[in-house]
Every structure is written in C-alpha cells, then in structure tokens.
Amino acid sequence: MIYTCYNMLFVIIRKLNYNFNTMTDYKDIFLAILAILVPAIVAILGYVIHRKTERIKIMENQLSDKKYQAYAGLVGMFLEFLRIRREAMCQTIIWQNRWLI
C-alpha cells in the first residue's frame, strides 16, 4: 500500500515537474551523465597518480643501486691504492735492508 502510494506520488510530481519546467529533463540527464563521469575521472586520475608514484619508487631504487655500486667502486679503488702503497713500502724496506746485509 505504501509502495503504491509512493509510486503514484512520484508519477504525479514527475508529470507536474515536466509540465512546469521542461528544462528539468535536460538537467536530470546532465546530472546523470555527470554522476557517471565524475567517479570515472576520479578513478582514472587515481590510477595515473598511483602509477607515477610506483615509477618514482622504481627510479629511486635504481638510483640507490647505482649509488651503491659507485661507492663500492670508490672504496675498492681506495683499498687498491692502499695495497699498492703498502707493497711499494715493503719493496723499499727490502731494498734498503738489502744493502745492510
């Protein structure tokens, strides 16, 4: 009973609204289209922002790996320099001690 009264009331209001203002139909159509497009646009922009954020994280990780390799190479070069220097000092000491014997 309540459902049928509600339907009848809705139909009457709809007919009155159509008779008094025909622009309401265009406004309803516009609002319906807008109600579909706005969430779709928000979802698409959210996906694009998420994807860009993931790309930034990947690039940061790659940059971190390259920095690690560069620092490892620099430390390796420094240690190699110290090894060569130590060998040169040992050779010098051996050369100097050779004349003492």
N, C-alpha and C. Protein backbone atom coordinates (compact mmCIF):
# COMPACT_ATOMS: atom_id res chain seq x y z
N MET A 1 0.83 -1.19 0.00
CA MET A 1 0.00 0.00 0.00
C MET A 1 0.88 1.26 0.00
N ILE A 2 1.89 1.27 0.89
CA ILE A 2 2.76 2.44 0.96
C ILE A 2 3.56 2.56 -0.33
N TYR A 3 4.00 1.43 -0.84
CA TYR A 3 4.79 1.43 -2.07
C TYR A 3 3.99 1.99 -3.24
N THR A 4 2.73 1.60 -3.37
CA THR A 4 1.91 2.09 -4.48
C THR A 4 1.60 3.56 -4.31
N CYS A 5 1.39 4.02 -3.08
CA CYS A 5 1.14 5.45 -2.85
C CYS A 5 2.39 6.25 -3.21
N TYR A 6 3.51 5.73 -2.85
CA TYR A 6 4.77 6.40 -3.16
C TYR A 6 4.95 6.49 -4.67
N ASN A 7 4.67 5.41 -5.39
CA ASN A 7 4.79 5.42 -6.84
C ASN A 7 3.83 6.41 -7.46
N MET A 8 2.60 6.45 -6.98
CA MET A 8 1.63 7.38 -7.54
C MET A 8 2.06 8.82 -7.28
N LEU A 9 2.55 9.08 -6.10
CA LEU A 9 3.02 10.42 -5.76
C LEU A 9 4.21 10.81 -6.64
N PHE A 10 5.10 9.89 -6.86
CA PHE A 10 6.26 10.15 -7.71
C PHE A 10 5.82 10.45 -9.14
N VAL A 11 4.86 9.70 -9.66
CA VAL A 11 4.37 9.92 -11.03
C VAL A 11 3.70 11.28 -11.14
N ILE A 12 2.92 11.64 -10.14
CA ILE A 12 2.23 12.94 -10.19
C ILE A 12 3.25 14.08 -10.14
N ILE A 13 4.21 13.97 -9.25
CA ILE A 13 5.22 15.02 -9.15
C ILE A 13 6.02 15.11 -10.45
N ARG A 14 6.31 13.98 -11.02
CA ARG A 14 7.06 13.95 -12.28
C ARG A 14 6.28 14.63 -13.40
N LYS A 15 5.00 14.35 -13.48
CA LYS A 15 4.19 14.98 -14.54
C LYS A 15 4.07 16.48 -14.31
N LEU A 16 3.90 16.89 -13.06
CA LEU A 16 3.83 18.32 -12.77
C LEU A 16 5.16 18.99 -13.09
N ASN A 17 6.23 18.37 -12.72
CA ASN A 17 7.55 18.92 -12.98
C ASN A 17 7.79 19.04 -14.48
N TYR A 18 7.37 18.07 -15.24
CA TYR A 18 7.55 18.11 -16.69
C TYR A 18 6.70 19.21 -17.31
N ASN A 19 5.52 19.39 -16.78
CA ASN A 19 4.63 20.42 -17.34
C ASN A 19 5.12 21.82 -17.01
N PHE A 20 5.63 22.03 -15.83
CA PHE A 20 6.05 23.36 -15.45
C PHE A 20 7.43 23.73 -15.98
N ASN A 21 8.30 22.77 -16.06
CA ASN A 21 9.67 23.10 -16.45
C ASN A 21 10.23 21.95 -17.27
N THR A 22 10.33 22.15 -18.56
CA THR A 22 10.85 21.09 -19.41
C THR A 22 12.37 21.01 -19.34
N MET A 23 13.01 22.07 -18.82
CA MET A 23 14.46 22.03 -18.67
C MET A 23 14.89 21.03 -17.61
N THR A 24 13.99 20.60 -16.76
CA THR A 24 14.34 19.64 -15.72
C THR A 24 14.84 18.34 -16.33
N ASP A 25 14.25 17.93 -17.42
CA ASP A 25 14.70 16.71 -18.07
C ASP A 25 16.15 16.83 -18.53
N TYR A 26 16.47 17.99 -19.11
CA TYR A 26 17.85 18.18 -19.52
C TYR A 26 18.79 18.24 -18.31
N LYS A 27 18.30 18.89 -17.27
CA LYS A 27 19.09 18.96 -16.06
C LYS A 27 19.29 17.57 -15.46
N ASP A 28 18.24 16.74 -15.48
CA ASP A 28 18.36 15.38 -14.96
C ASP A 28 19.33 14.56 -15.79
N ILE A 29 19.25 14.73 -17.10
CA ILE A 29 20.16 13.99 -17.99
C ILE A 29 21.60 14.45 -17.72
N PHE A 30 21.77 15.77 -17.61
CA PHE A 30 23.10 16.30 -17.34
C PHE A 30 23.65 15.79 -16.01
N LEU A 31 22.81 15.80 -14.98
CA LEU A 31 23.25 15.31 -13.68
C LEU A 31 23.55 13.82 -13.70
N ALA A 32 22.78 13.05 -14.46
CA ALA A 32 23.04 11.62 -14.56
C ALA A 32 24.38 11.37 -15.25
N ILE A 33 24.63 12.10 -16.33
CA ILE A 33 25.90 11.95 -17.04
C ILE A 33 27.05 12.39 -16.13
N LEU A 34 26.84 13.50 -15.43
CA LEU A 34 27.86 13.99 -14.52
C LEU A 34 28.13 13.00 -13.39
N ALA A 35 27.07 12.36 -12.91
CA ALA A 35 27.23 11.37 -11.83
C ALA A 35 28.02 10.15 -12.31
N ILE A 36 28.01 9.89 -13.59
CA ILE A 36 28.78 8.76 -14.14
C ILE A 36 30.21 9.20 -14.44
N LEU A 37 30.37 10.40 -14.99
CA LEU A 37 31.70 10.84 -15.43
C LEU A 37 32.63 11.22 -14.28
N VAL A 38 32.11 11.87 -13.26
CA VAL A 38 32.98 12.34 -12.17
C VAL A 38 33.68 11.17 -11.47
N PRO A 39 32.97 10.11 -11.05
CA PRO A 39 33.71 9.00 -10.42
C PRO A 39 34.68 8.31 -11.38
N ALA A 40 34.31 8.25 -12.67
CA ALA A 40 35.21 7.63 -13.64
C ALA A 40 36.49 8.45 -13.78
N ILE A 41 36.35 9.77 -13.84
CA ILE A 41 37.52 10.64 -13.96
C ILE A 41 38.38 10.55 -12.70
N VAL A 42 37.75 10.53 -11.55
CA VAL A 42 38.49 10.41 -10.30
C VAL A 42 39.25 9.09 -10.25
N ALA A 43 38.60 8.01 -10.69
CA ALA A 43 39.26 6.70 -10.69
C ALA A 43 40.46 6.68 -11.64
N ILE A 44 40.28 7.27 -12.82
CA ILE A 44 41.37 7.30 -13.79
C ILE A 44 42.54 8.14 -13.25
N LEU A 45 42.25 9.30 -12.69
CA LEU A 45 43.32 10.14 -12.14
C LEU A 45 44.01 9.45 -10.96
N GLY A 46 43.24 8.74 -10.14
CA GLY A 46 43.85 7.99 -9.05
C GLY A 46 44.80 6.93 -9.55
N TYR A 47 44.40 6.23 -10.62
CA TYR A 47 45.27 5.21 -11.21
C TYR A 47 46.55 5.84 -11.77
N VAL A 48 46.40 6.97 -12.45
CA VAL A 48 47.57 7.64 -13.04
C VAL A 48 48.53 8.09 -11.94
N ILE A 49 48.01 8.67 -10.87
CA ILE A 49 48.86 9.12 -9.77
C ILE A 49 49.55 7.93 -9.10
N HIS A 50 48.81 6.84 -8.92
CA HIS A 50 49.41 5.64 -8.32
C HIS A 50 50.53 5.10 -9.19
N ARG A 51 50.30 5.08 -10.50
CA ARG A 51 51.32 4.56 -11.42
C ARG A 51 52.57 5.44 -11.41
N LYS A 52 52.38 6.76 -11.40
CA LYS A 52 53.54 7.67 -11.35
C LYS A 52 54.31 7.49 -10.05
N THR A 53 53.59 7.30 -8.95
CA THR A 53 54.25 7.07 -7.67
C THR A 53 55.08 5.80 -7.71
N GLU A 54 54.54 4.74 -8.30
CA GLU A 54 55.30 3.49 -8.42
C GLU A 54 56.54 3.68 -9.30
N ARG A 55 56.39 4.43 -10.39
CA ARG A 55 57.56 4.70 -11.25
C ARG A 55 58.65 5.45 -10.49
N ILE A 56 58.24 6.43 -9.69
CA ILE A 56 59.21 7.20 -8.90
C ILE A 56 59.93 6.29 -7.92
N LYS A 57 59.20 5.38 -7.28
CA LYS A 57 59.83 4.45 -6.34
C LYS A 57 60.83 3.55 -7.06
N ILE A 58 60.46 3.06 -8.24
CA ILE A 58 61.37 2.20 -9.01
C ILE A 58 62.62 2.97 -9.39
N MET A 59 62.47 4.22 -9.85
CA MET A 59 63.64 5.01 -10.23
C MET A 59 64.52 5.30 -9.02
N GLU A 60 63.91 5.57 -7.86
CA GLU A 60 64.70 5.80 -6.66
C GLU A 60 65.50 4.55 -6.28
N ASN A 61 64.89 3.38 -6.41
CA ASN A 61 65.60 2.14 -6.11
C ASN A 61 66.76 1.92 -7.08
N GLN A 62 66.53 2.19 -8.37
CA GLN A 62 67.60 2.04 -9.35
C GLN A 62 68.74 3.02 -9.06
N LEU A 63 68.39 4.25 -8.70
CA LEU A 63 69.40 5.24 -8.38
C LEU A 63 70.18 4.84 -7.14
N SER A 64 69.49 4.29 -6.17
CA SER A 64 70.15 3.82 -4.95
C SER A 64 71.13 2.69 -5.27
N ASP A 65 70.71 1.76 -6.14
CA ASP A 65 71.62 0.67 -6.54
C ASP A 65 72.85 1.21 -7.26
N LYS A 66 72.66 2.19 -8.14
CA LYS A 66 73.80 2.76 -8.87
C LYS A 66 74.73 3.52 -7.92
N LYS A 67 74.15 4.24 -6.93
CA LYS A 67 75.00 4.92 -5.96
C LYS A 67 75.79 3.92 -5.14
N TYR A 68 75.15 2.81 -4.77
CA TYR A 68 75.84 1.78 -4.01
C TYR A 68 77.01 1.22 -4.81
N GLN A 69 76.79 0.94 -6.09
CA GLN A 69 77.87 0.43 -6.94
C GLN A 69 78.99 1.44 -7.09
N ALA A 70 78.64 2.72 -7.22
CA ALA A 70 79.67 3.76 -7.36
C ALA A 70 80.49 3.86 -6.07
N TYR A 71 79.82 3.87 -4.91
CA TYR A 71 80.55 3.93 -3.64
C TYR A 71 81.41 2.69 -3.44
N ALA A 72 80.90 1.52 -3.82
CA ALA A 72 81.68 0.29 -3.69
C ALA A 72 82.92 0.36 -4.59
N GLY A 73 82.77 0.90 -5.79
CA GLY A 73 83.92 1.07 -6.68
C GLY A 73 84.93 2.04 -6.12
N LEU A 74 84.44 3.12 -5.52
CA LEU A 74 85.33 4.12 -4.93
C LEU A 74 86.10 3.52 -3.75
N VAL A 75 85.43 2.79 -2.90
CA VAL A 75 86.10 2.14 -1.75
C VAL A 75 87.09 1.10 -2.25
N GLY A 76 86.71 0.34 -3.28
CA GLY A 76 87.61 -0.65 -3.86
C GLY A 76 88.87 0.00 -4.42
N MET A 77 88.70 1.14 -5.09
CA MET A 77 89.85 1.84 -5.65
C MET A 77 90.76 2.35 -4.52
N PHE A 78 90.17 2.88 -3.46
CA PHE A 78 90.95 3.35 -2.32
C PHE A 78 91.72 2.20 -1.67
N LEU A 79 91.07 1.06 -1.48
CA LEU A 79 91.74 -0.10 -0.89
C LEU A 79 92.86 -0.62 -1.80
N GLU A 80 92.64 -0.58 -3.10
CA GLU A 80 93.68 -1.00 -4.06
C GLU A 80 94.87 -0.05 -3.97
N PHE A 81 94.60 1.24 -3.84
CA PHE A 81 95.67 2.22 -3.69
C PHE A 81 96.47 1.93 -2.42
N LEU A 82 95.77 1.65 -1.31
CA LEU A 82 96.48 1.33 -0.06
C LEU A 82 97.31 0.06 -0.20
N ARG A 83 96.82 -0.95 -0.90
CA ARG A 83 97.56 -2.19 -1.09
C ARG A 83 98.82 -1.94 -1.91
N ILE A 84 98.68 -1.18 -2.99
CA ILE A 84 99.85 -0.88 -3.82
C ILE A 84 100.87 -0.06 -3.02
N ARG A 85 100.36 0.88 -2.24
CA ARG A 85 101.26 1.71 -1.42
C ARG A 85 102.01 0.85 -0.40
N ARG A 86 101.30 -0.09 0.23
CA ARG A 86 101.94 -0.97 1.21
C ARG A 86 102.99 -1.85 0.53
N GLU A 87 102.68 -2.38 -0.65
CA GLU A 87 103.66 -3.20 -1.38
C GLU A 87 104.89 -2.38 -1.75
N ALA A 88 104.65 -1.14 -2.14
CA ALA A 88 105.78 -0.27 -2.50
C ALA A 88 106.65 0.00 -1.29
N MET A 89 106.01 0.23 -0.14
CA MET A 89 106.78 0.45 1.08
C MET A 89 107.56 -0.79 1.46
N CYS A 90 106.96 -1.96 1.32
CA CYS A 90 107.67 -3.21 1.62
C CYS A 90 108.86 -3.38 0.68
N GLN A 91 108.67 -3.09 -0.59
CA GLN A 91 109.77 -3.20 -1.54
C GLN A 91 110.89 -2.22 -1.18
N THR A 92 110.52 -1.03 -0.74
CA THR A 92 111.53 -0.03 -0.36
C THR A 92 112.30 -0.52 0.86
N ILE A 93 111.58 -1.06 1.83
CA ILE A 93 112.25 -1.54 3.05
C ILE A 93 113.17 -2.71 2.70
N ILE A 94 112.71 -3.62 1.86
CA ILE A 94 113.54 -4.75 1.44
C ILE A 94 114.76 -4.24 0.69
N TRP A 95 114.59 -3.27 -0.17
CA TRP A 95 115.70 -2.72 -0.94
C TRP A 95 116.72 -2.05 -0.02
N GLN A 96 116.23 -1.33 0.96
CA GLN A 96 117.14 -0.65 1.90
C GLN A 96 117.85 -1.67 2.79
N ASN A 97 117.17 -2.69 3.24
CA ASN A 97 117.77 -3.71 4.11
C ASN A 97 118.74 -4.59 3.34
N ARG A 98 118.59 -4.66 2.04
CA ARG A 98 119.47 -5.47 1.23
C ARG A 98 120.91 -4.96 1.30
N TRP A 99 121.06 -3.66 1.40
CA TRP A 99 122.41 -3.10 1.47
C TRP A 99 123.02 -3.25 2.84
N LEU A 100 122.14 -3.46 3.83
CA LEU A 100 122.70 -3.63 5.19
C LEU A 100 123.26 -5.03 5.42
N ILE A 101 122.79 -5.98 4.68
CA ILE A 101 123.20 -7.36 4.89
C ILE A 101 124.57 -7.62 4.37
